[in-house]
N, C-alpha and C. Protein backbone atom coordinates (compact mmCIF):
# COMPACT_ATOMS: atom_id res chain seq x y z
N UNK A 1 1.01 -1.30 0.32
CA UNK A 1 -0.15 0.29 0.02
C UNK A 1 1.04 1.21 -0.28
N UNK A 2 -0.09 2.72 -0.69
CA UNK A 2 1.47 3.57 -0.42
C UNK A 2 0.54 4.45 0.56
N UNK A 3 2.16 4.76 1.65
CA UNK A 3 2.08 5.51 2.51
C UNK A 3 1.20 6.95 1.91
N UNK A 4 0.42 7.53 3.41
CA UNK A 4 -0.29 8.72 3.23
C UNK A 4 -1.59 8.51 2.25
N UNK A 5 -1.74 7.78 2.01
CA UNK A 5 -2.92 7.69 1.35
C UNK A 5 -4.26 7.71 1.39
N UNK A 6 -4.06 7.24 2.41
CA UNK A 6 -5.82 6.26 2.93
C UNK A 6 -5.91 6.89 4.45
N UNK A 7 -6.75 7.44 5.22
CA UNK A 7 -7.92 7.32 5.72
C UNK A 7 -6.96 6.89 7.16
N UNK A 8 -7.53 8.06 8.66
CA UNK A 8 -7.17 6.98 9.82
C UNK A 8 -7.75 6.18 10.02
N UNK A 9 -7.41 4.30 10.21
CA UNK A 9 -8.68 3.40 10.97
C UNK A 9 -8.70 3.69 12.15
N UNK A 10 -9.25 3.81 13.69
CA UNK A 10 -9.33 3.93 14.82
C UNK A 10 -10.79 4.24 15.18
N UNK A 11 -10.67 4.13 16.00
CA UNK A 11 -11.83 4.30 16.98
C UNK A 11 -12.92 4.89 17.44
N UNK A 12 -14.39 4.62 16.93
CA UNK A 12 -15.26 5.89 16.61
C UNK A 12 -16.32 4.95 17.96
N UNK A 13 -17.08 6.30 18.60
CA UNK A 13 -18.60 5.57 19.13
C UNK A 13 -19.48 6.86 18.51
N UNK A 14 -20.79 5.43 17.34
CA UNK A 14 -21.51 5.87 16.92
C UNK A 14 -22.40 5.51 18.07
N UNK A 15 -23.63 6.08 17.75
CA UNK A 15 -24.50 6.96 19.24
C UNK A 15 -25.92 7.22 18.25
N UNK A 16 -27.19 6.57 18.53
CA UNK A 16 -28.72 6.66 18.35
C UNK A 16 -29.76 7.23 19.43
N UNK A 17 -29.11 8.71 20.15
CA UNK A 17 -29.95 9.51 20.34
C UNK A 17 -31.61 9.08 21.19
N UNK A 18 -31.84 8.42 19.48
CA UNK A 18 -33.05 8.10 20.15
C UNK A 18 -33.53 8.00 20.74
N UNK A 19 -32.99 6.11 20.81
CA UNK A 19 -32.72 4.58 21.98
C UNK A 19 -31.77 4.98 22.68
N UNK A 20 -31.15 6.01 22.67
CA UNK A 20 -30.29 6.01 23.65
C UNK A 20 -29.16 4.70 23.90
N UNK A 21 -28.31 4.37 22.50
CA UNK A 21 -27.96 3.06 22.87
C UNK A 21 -26.52 3.85 21.86
N UNK A 22 -25.15 3.53 22.16
CA UNK A 22 -23.93 3.82 21.62
C UNK A 22 -22.93 2.76 22.14
N UNK A 23 -22.02 2.29 20.65
CA UNK A 23 -21.59 1.47 20.61
C UNK A 23 -20.24 2.16 20.22
N UNK A 24 -18.55 1.18 20.83
CA UNK A 24 -16.95 1.54 19.83
C UNK A 24 -17.27 0.83 18.73
N UNK A 25 -16.98 1.50 18.08
CA UNK A 25 -15.85 0.73 16.76
C UNK A 25 -14.86 0.63 16.10
N UNK A 26 -14.46 1.14 15.17
CA UNK A 26 -12.88 1.07 14.13
C UNK A 26 -13.73 1.69 13.37
N UNK A 27 -13.42 3.30 12.78
CA UNK A 27 -13.80 3.86 11.04
C UNK A 27 -13.34 4.37 10.49
N UNK A 28 -13.20 5.11 9.59
CA UNK A 28 -12.61 5.91 9.16
C UNK A 28 -12.58 7.38 9.40
N UNK A 29 -14.32 6.73 9.08
CA UNK A 29 -14.93 8.14 9.19
C UNK A 29 -14.33 9.80 9.97
N UNK A 30 -14.21 10.44 9.67
CA UNK A 30 -14.48 12.34 10.65
C UNK A 30 -15.49 12.84 11.37
N UNK A 31 -15.21 12.64 12.72
CA UNK A 31 -16.28 14.01 13.48
C UNK A 31 -15.94 15.12 14.05
N UNK A 32 -16.25 15.90 14.62
CA UNK A 32 -15.39 17.28 15.44
C UNK A 32 -16.16 16.52 16.74
N UNK A 33 -16.86 15.91 16.51
CA UNK A 33 -17.73 15.97 18.43
C UNK A 33 -17.24 15.13 18.68
N UNK A 34 -16.23 14.72 20.57
CA UNK A 34 -15.96 13.88 20.63
C UNK A 34 -17.10 14.12 21.37
N UNK A 35 -16.75 12.29 22.46
CA UNK A 35 -17.73 11.59 23.86
C UNK A 35 -16.32 10.86 25.14
N UNK A 36 -16.75 11.03 26.08
CA UNK A 36 -15.57 11.11 26.66
C UNK A 36 -16.43 8.74 27.16
N UNK A 37 -16.00 8.07 26.84
CA UNK A 37 -16.02 6.29 26.79
C UNK A 37 -16.37 6.30 28.36
N UNK A 38 -17.26 4.64 27.80
CA UNK A 38 -16.56 4.06 29.46
C UNK A 38 -15.23 4.12 30.41
N UNK A 39 -14.27 3.37 29.42
CA UNK A 39 -13.37 3.62 29.88
C UNK A 39 -12.37 4.49 30.47
N UNK A 40 -12.93 5.71 29.65
CA UNK A 40 -12.35 6.84 30.65
C UNK A 40 -11.73 7.74 29.11
N UNK A 41 -11.82 6.96 28.04
CA UNK A 41 -10.68 8.18 26.89
C UNK A 41 -12.00 8.58 26.09
N UNK A 42 -11.74 9.11 25.28
CA UNK A 42 -12.21 10.46 24.48
C UNK A 42 -12.25 9.89 22.86
N UNK A 43 -13.15 9.12 22.99
CA UNK A 43 -13.07 9.20 21.41
C UNK A 43 -13.86 10.26 20.39
N UNK A 44 -13.67 10.29 18.80
CA UNK A 44 -14.88 10.90 18.01
C UNK A 44 -15.93 10.04 18.12
N UNK A 45 -16.97 11.11 18.37
CA UNK A 45 -18.63 10.58 18.46
C UNK A 45 -19.48 10.98 17.12
N UNK A 46 -20.05 9.80 16.56
CA UNK A 46 -21.64 10.02 15.23
C UNK A 46 -22.45 9.65 15.77
N UNK A 47 -23.43 10.81 15.43
CA UNK A 47 -24.52 10.70 15.97
C UNK A 47 -25.31 9.91 15.04
N UNK A 48 -26.15 8.48 14.75
CA UNK A 48 -26.87 8.24 13.77
C UNK A 48 -28.35 7.90 13.93
N UNK A 49 -29.22 7.48 13.22
CA UNK A 49 -31.29 8.57 12.99
C UNK A 49 -31.33 6.78 13.91
N UNK A 50 -30.91 5.62 12.82
CA UNK A 50 -31.41 3.99 12.78
C UNK A 50 -30.50 3.71 13.81
N UNK A 51 -30.10 2.37 13.83
CA UNK A 51 -29.96 0.86 14.95
C UNK A 51 -30.29 0.52 15.11
N UNK A 52 -29.33 -0.31 15.54
CA UNK A 52 -30.03 -2.13 15.82
C UNK A 52 -31.34 -1.77 16.82
N UNK A 53 -30.63 -0.48 17.89
CA UNK A 53 -31.94 -0.85 19.36
C UNK A 53 -33.22 -0.15 18.92
N UNK A 54 -33.15 1.29 17.52
CA UNK A 54 -34.32 2.11 17.08
C UNK A 54 -35.09 1.27 15.49
N UNK A 55 -34.60 0.07 14.91
CA UNK A 55 -34.82 -0.25 13.75
C UNK A 55 -35.73 -1.09 14.14
N UNK A 56 -37.46 -0.74 13.50
CA UNK A 56 -38.50 -2.34 13.56
C UNK A 56 -37.90 -3.71 13.81
N UNK A 57 -37.46 -3.58 12.72
CA UNK A 57 -36.63 -5.05 12.41
C UNK A 57 -35.91 -5.69 13.52
N UNK A 58 -35.14 -5.40 14.02
CA UNK A 58 -34.10 -5.57 15.42
C UNK A 58 -34.51 -6.01 16.35
N UNK A 59 -35.75 -5.48 16.94
CA UNK A 59 -36.19 -3.91 18.24
C UNK A 59 -37.64 -5.27 18.23
N UNK A 60 -38.30 -5.60 17.11
CA UNK A 60 -39.57 -6.09 17.38
C UNK A 60 -40.56 -5.60 17.82
N UNK A 61 -40.33 -4.51 17.83
CA UNK A 61 -41.38 -3.25 17.94
C UNK A 61 -41.80 -2.41 16.38
N UNK A 62 -42.33 -3.31 15.25
CA UNK A 62 -43.02 -2.74 14.20
C UNK A 62 -44.47 -2.61 14.60
N UNK A 63 -44.86 -1.46 13.04
CA UNK A 63 -46.09 -0.06 13.00
C UNK A 63 -46.65 -1.29 11.84
N UNK A 64 -47.66 -0.83 12.54
CA UNK A 64 -49.24 -1.16 11.57
C UNK A 64 -49.17 -0.16 10.83
N UNK A 65 -49.45 -0.04 9.83
CA UNK A 65 -49.62 0.78 9.04
C UNK A 65 -50.87 0.12 8.74
N UNK A 66 -51.67 1.57 8.21
CA UNK A 66 -53.44 1.16 8.31
C UNK A 66 -53.66 0.82 6.80
N UNK A 67 -53.27 -0.16 5.84
CA UNK A 67 -53.85 -0.44 4.63
C UNK A 67 -54.69 -0.13 3.97
N UNK A 68 -55.67 -0.63 4.71
CA UNK A 68 -57.42 -1.05 4.30
C UNK A 68 -57.38 0.91 3.88
N UNK A 69 -56.98 1.72 4.80
CA UNK A 69 -57.46 2.59 4.20
C UNK A 69 -56.54 3.27 2.87
N UNK A 70 -54.86 2.63 2.79
CA UNK A 70 -54.89 3.53 1.99
C UNK A 70 -55.32 3.19 0.40
N UNK A 71 -55.70 1.96 0.54
CA UNK A 71 -56.59 1.09 -0.78
C UNK A 71 -57.59 2.53 -0.63
N UNK A 72 -58.38 2.06 0.35
CA UNK A 72 -59.26 3.41 -0.24
C UNK A 72 -59.38 4.55 -0.64
N UNK A 73 -58.38 5.18 0.16
CA UNK A 73 -57.79 6.48 -0.55
C UNK A 73 -57.55 6.86 -1.97
N UNK A 74 -57.23 5.21 -2.13
CA UNK A 74 -56.37 5.26 -3.94
C UNK A 74 -57.26 5.07 -4.60
N UNK A 75 -58.26 4.39 -4.58
CA UNK A 75 -59.97 3.80 -4.65
C UNK A 75 -60.93 4.88 -5.00
N UNK A 76 -60.02 5.95 -4.29
CA UNK A 76 -60.95 7.11 -4.26
C UNK A 76 -60.74 8.26 -5.51
N UNK A 77 -59.21 8.43 -5.02
CA UNK A 77 -58.52 9.47 -6.06
C UNK A 77 -58.76 8.89 -7.29
N UNK A 78 -57.93 7.48 -7.72
CA UNK A 78 -58.15 7.62 -9.06
C UNK A 78 -59.76 6.46 -9.19
N UNK A 79 -60.47 6.10 -8.61
CA UNK A 79 -61.90 5.13 -9.44
C UNK A 79 -61.28 4.18 -9.96
N UNK A 80 -62.07 3.49 -9.36
CA UNK A 80 -62.01 2.04 -10.93
C UNK A 80 -62.79 2.18 -11.65
N UNK A 81 -62.34 2.02 -13.54
CA UNK A 81 -63.17 2.44 -14.51
C UNK A 81 -64.30 0.78 -14.45
């Protein structure tokens, strides 16, 4: 590999604020935010919108969609000829 062309691969904390879930892993992502982790060290922090703690597939908290209402609205708008 060529020297000096690859980004730094370092520990980074990813946090899902909606679920109150955070985990430490390694990444090349850059961040200006930092957080003090459980081990007492300071790491870059990246906030994510969805994680395994908040995604309905992994958490088991799925939302019930009103499919009948959607079909009725579609038929009202476009009607069947």
